[in-house]
């Protein structure tokens, strides 16, 4: 088993993504921050959209089919 960090992305309170795993909490948090701070700069979401992202630790089998970044 290995410890990884799962990036969870929510849009308007609904989980939009929960399939990105990272070995480092720092890298996971970097992506979470980029998603939240850049949500409207690129015009992908309307101004009224509420976007959140955070990382949670997970314990996964070492020999699995997950792509860990």
Protein backbone atom coordinates (compact mmCIF):
# COMPACT_ATOMS: atom_id res chain seq x y z
CA UNK A 1 0.00 0.00 0.00
CA UNK A 2 1.14 3.54 -0.73
CA UNK A 3 -0.10 6.92 0.45
CA UNK A 4 -1.25 9.33 -2.25
CA UNK A 5 -3.24 12.55 -2.34
CA UNK A 6 -6.51 12.70 -4.23
CA UNK A 7 -7.49 16.02 -5.85
CA UNK A 8 -11.22 16.64 -5.58
CA UNK A 9 -12.80 19.39 -7.70
CA UNK A 10 -16.29 20.70 -7.01
CA UNK A 11 -18.44 23.00 -9.13
CA UNK A 12 -21.50 24.53 -7.46
CA UNK A 13 -21.33 21.94 -4.68
CA UNK A 14 -21.21 18.91 -6.99
CA UNK A 15 -18.10 16.78 -7.32
CA UNK A 16 -16.85 17.27 -10.86
CA UNK A 17 -13.61 15.32 -10.67
CA UNK A 18 -12.02 12.86 -8.27
CA UNK A 19 -9.62 10.85 -10.36
CA UNK A 20 -6.28 12.69 -10.11
CA UNK A 21 -3.76 11.23 -7.66
CA UNK A 22 -0.45 12.78 -6.60
CA UNK A 23 2.49 11.45 -4.61
CA UNK A 24 3.18 14.89 -3.11
CA UNK A 25 0.73 16.99 -1.10
CA UNK A 26 2.56 20.09 -2.34
CA UNK A 27 1.92 19.22 -5.97
CA UNK A 28 -1.69 18.33 -5.27
CA UNK A 29 -2.22 21.62 -3.45
CA UNK A 30 -0.58 23.54 -6.31
CA UNK A 31 -3.16 22.15 -8.75
CA UNK A 32 -6.02 22.77 -6.30
CA UNK A 33 -4.93 26.39 -5.92
CA UNK A 34 -4.53 26.84 -9.68
CA UNK A 35 -8.04 25.50 -10.28
CA UNK A 36 -9.60 27.80 -7.70
CA UNK A 37 -7.62 30.95 -8.52
CA UNK A 38 -7.77 30.52 -12.30
CA UNK A 39 -11.41 29.54 -12.56
CA UNK A 40 -12.55 32.73 -14.30
CA UNK A 41 -9.35 34.08 -15.82
CA UNK A 42 -9.56 31.76 -18.80
CA UNK A 43 -13.30 32.13 -19.30
CA UNK A 44 -14.11 28.46 -18.74
CA UNK A 45 -16.79 29.11 -16.15
CA UNK A 46 -19.45 31.77 -15.73
CA UNK A 47 -18.93 34.32 -12.96
CA UNK A 48 -21.68 32.79 -10.82
CA UNK A 49 -20.04 29.34 -10.74
CA UNK A 50 -18.67 28.37 -7.33
CA UNK A 51 -15.50 26.29 -7.76
CA UNK A 52 -13.62 24.51 -5.00
CA UNK A 53 -10.70 22.09 -4.99
CA UNK A 54 -8.91 20.29 -2.19
CA UNK A 55 -6.66 17.31 -1.55
CA UNK A 56 -7.32 14.34 0.69
CA UNK A 57 -4.96 11.51 1.63
CA UNK A 58 -5.72 8.02 0.39
CA UNK A 59 -4.11 4.64 0.88
CA UNK A 60 -4.08 2.62 -2.35
CA UNK A 61 -2.56 -0.70 -3.37
CA UNK A 62 0.92 -0.29 -4.82
CA UNK A 63 0.17 -2.51 -7.81
CA UNK A 64 -2.94 -0.90 -9.25
CA UNK A 65 -4.07 0.70 -12.47
CA UNK A 66 -4.16 4.24 -11.06
CA UNK A 67 -2.06 6.89 -12.74
CA UNK A 68 -0.21 8.73 -9.95
CA UNK A 69 1.47 12.00 -10.89
